[in-house]
């Protein structure tokens, strides 16, 4: 259900708001969020500042909304 919600958010971001790219961060410990992001077509884009993740180490993920999603 979470993956479907993220995919729909991506669709709306492109269709209604004209966005071309979305970014999200997930801590290394949050396996579920990392799986949702990758299943929704996001790819790792580099380390996230722990200040953005409650002091935890993590990764930024990015999705180009102009490309077909990876399933």
C-alpha atoms as a PDB file:
ATOM      1  CA  UNK A   1       0.000   0.000   0.000  1.00  0.00           C
ATOM      2  CA  UNK A   2       2.828   2.434   0.807  1.00  0.00           C
ATOM      3  CA  UNK A   3       4.495   1.836  -2.563  1.00  0.00           C
ATOM      4  CA  UNK A   4       1.227   2.540  -4.382  1.00  0.00           C
ATOM      5  CA  UNK A   5       0.818   5.776  -2.416  1.00  0.00           C
ATOM      6  CA  UNK A   6       4.343   6.946  -3.303  1.00  0.00           C
ATOM      7  CA  UNK A   7       3.789   6.091  -6.972  1.00  0.00           C
ATOM      8  CA  UNK A   8       0.561   8.099  -6.963  1.00  0.00           C
ATOM      9  CA  UNK A   9       2.346  11.025  -5.304  1.00  0.00           C
ATOM     10  CA  UNK A  10       4.940  10.907  -8.088  1.00  0.00           C
ATOM     11  CA  UNK A  11       2.225  10.861 -10.739  1.00  0.00           C
ATOM     12  CA  UNK A  12       0.456  13.852  -9.190  1.00  0.00           C
ATOM     13  CA  UNK A  13       3.700  15.784  -8.723  1.00  0.00           C
ATOM     14  CA  UNK A  14       4.395  15.502 -12.445  1.00  0.00           C
ATOM     15  CA  UNK A  15       0.856  15.859 -13.802  1.00  0.00           C
ATOM     16  CA  UNK A  16      -0.544  18.589 -11.568  1.00  0.00           C
ATOM     17  CA  UNK A  17       2.537  20.489 -10.509  1.00  0.00           C
ATOM     18  CA  UNK A  18       4.924  20.001 -13.411  1.00  0.00           C
ATOM     19  CA  UNK A  19       7.732  18.678 -11.228  1.00  0.00           C
ATOM     20  CA  UNK A  20      10.480  16.765 -12.980  1.00  0.00           C
ATOM     21  CA  UNK A  21      12.351  15.280 -10.015  1.00  0.00           C
ATOM     22  CA  UNK A  22      11.507  14.191  -6.486  1.00  0.00           C
ATOM     23  CA  UNK A  23      13.924  13.483  -3.652  1.00  0.00           C
ATOM     24  CA  UNK A  24      13.400  11.652  -0.375  1.00  0.00           C
ATOM     25  CA  UNK A  25      15.714  10.632   2.430  1.00  0.00           C
ATOM     26  CA  UNK A  26      15.618   7.462   4.502  1.00  0.00           C
ATOM     27  CA  UNK A  27      17.825   6.386   7.371  1.00  0.00           C
ATOM     28  CA  UNK A  28      19.974   3.302   6.940  1.00  0.00           C
ATOM     29  CA  UNK A  29      18.002   1.668   9.766  1.00  0.00           C
ATOM     30  CA  UNK A  30      14.628   2.197   8.057  1.00  0.00           C
ATOM     31  CA  UNK A  31      14.609  -0.818   5.766  1.00  0.00           C
ATOM     32  CA  UNK A  32      10.879  -0.545   5.008  1.00  0.00           C
ATOM     33  CA  UNK A  33      11.129   3.043   3.732  1.00  0.00           C
ATOM     34  CA  UNK A  34      14.168   2.229   1.621  1.00  0.00           C
ATOM     35  CA  UNK A  35      12.284  -0.677   0.019  1.00  0.00           C
ATOM     36  CA  UNK A  36       9.227   1.478  -0.684  1.00  0.00           C
ATOM     37  CA  UNK A  37      11.358   4.138  -2.346  1.00  0.00           C
ATOM     38  CA  UNK A  38      13.241   1.696  -4.554  1.00  0.00           C
ATOM     39  CA  UNK A  39      10.052  -0.172  -5.532  1.00  0.00           C
ATOM     40  CA  UNK A  40       8.505   3.197  -6.460  1.00  0.00           C
ATOM     41  CA  UNK A  41      11.354   3.967  -8.858  1.00  0.00           C
ATOM     42  CA  UNK A  42      13.702   6.010  -6.675  1.00  0.00           C
ATOM     43  CA  UNK A  43      17.447   5.411  -6.891  1.00  0.00           C
ATOM     44  CA  UNK A  44      20.101   6.170  -4.255  1.00  0.00           C
ATOM     45  CA  UNK A  45      21.571   9.620  -4.929  1.00  0.00           C
ATOM     46  CA  UNK A  46      24.075  10.075  -2.128  1.00  0.00           C
ATOM     47  CA  UNK A  47      24.435  10.384   1.617  1.00  0.00           C
ATOM     48  CA  UNK A  48      21.830  12.318   3.591  1.00  0.00           C
ATOM     49  CA  UNK A  49      22.854  14.727   6.309  1.00  0.00           C
ATOM     50  CA  UNK A  50      21.933  13.217   9.689  1.00  0.00           C
ATOM     51  CA  UNK A  51      20.305  16.569  10.532  1.00  0.00           C
ATOM     52  CA  UNK A  52      17.606  15.723   7.964  1.00  0.00           C
ATOM     53  CA  UNK A  53      16.958  12.314   9.547  1.00  0.00           C
ATOM     54  CA  UNK A  54      16.745  12.957  13.270  1.00  0.00           C
ATOM     55  CA  UNK A  55      20.480  12.522  13.756  1.00  0.00           C
ATOM     56  CA  UNK A  56      20.664   9.179  11.934  1.00  0.00           C
ATOM     57  CA  UNK A  57      22.853   8.331   8.966  1.00  0.00           C
ATOM     58  CA  UNK A  58      20.992   7.746   5.730  1.00  0.00           C
ATOM     59  CA  UNK A  59      20.718   8.115   1.997  1.00  0.00           C
ATOM     60  CA  UNK A  60      19.000  10.513  -0.361  1.00  0.00           C
ATOM     61  CA  UNK A  61      16.915   8.849  -3.060  1.00  0.00           C
ATOM     62  CA  UNK A  62      15.873  10.557  -6.279  1.00  0.00           C
ATOM     63  CA  UNK A  63      13.373   9.835  -9.021  1.00  0.00           C
ATOM     64  CA  UNK A  64      13.238  11.460 -12.436  1.00  0.00           C
ATOM     65  CA  UNK A  65       9.529  11.898 -13.076  1.00  0.00           C
ATOM     66  CA  UNK A  66      10.063  12.217 -16.820  1.00  0.00           C
ATOM     67  CA  UNK A  67      11.129   8.552 -17.075  1.00  0.00           C
ATOM     68  CA  UNK A  68       8.882   5.512 -16.889  1.00  0.00           C
ATOM     69  CA  UNK A  69       8.796   4.097 -13.342  1.00  0.00           C
ATOM     70  CA  UNK A  70      10.706   0.916 -12.592  1.00  0.00           C
ATOM     71  CA  UNK A  71       8.416  -1.816 -11.326  1.00  0.00           C
END
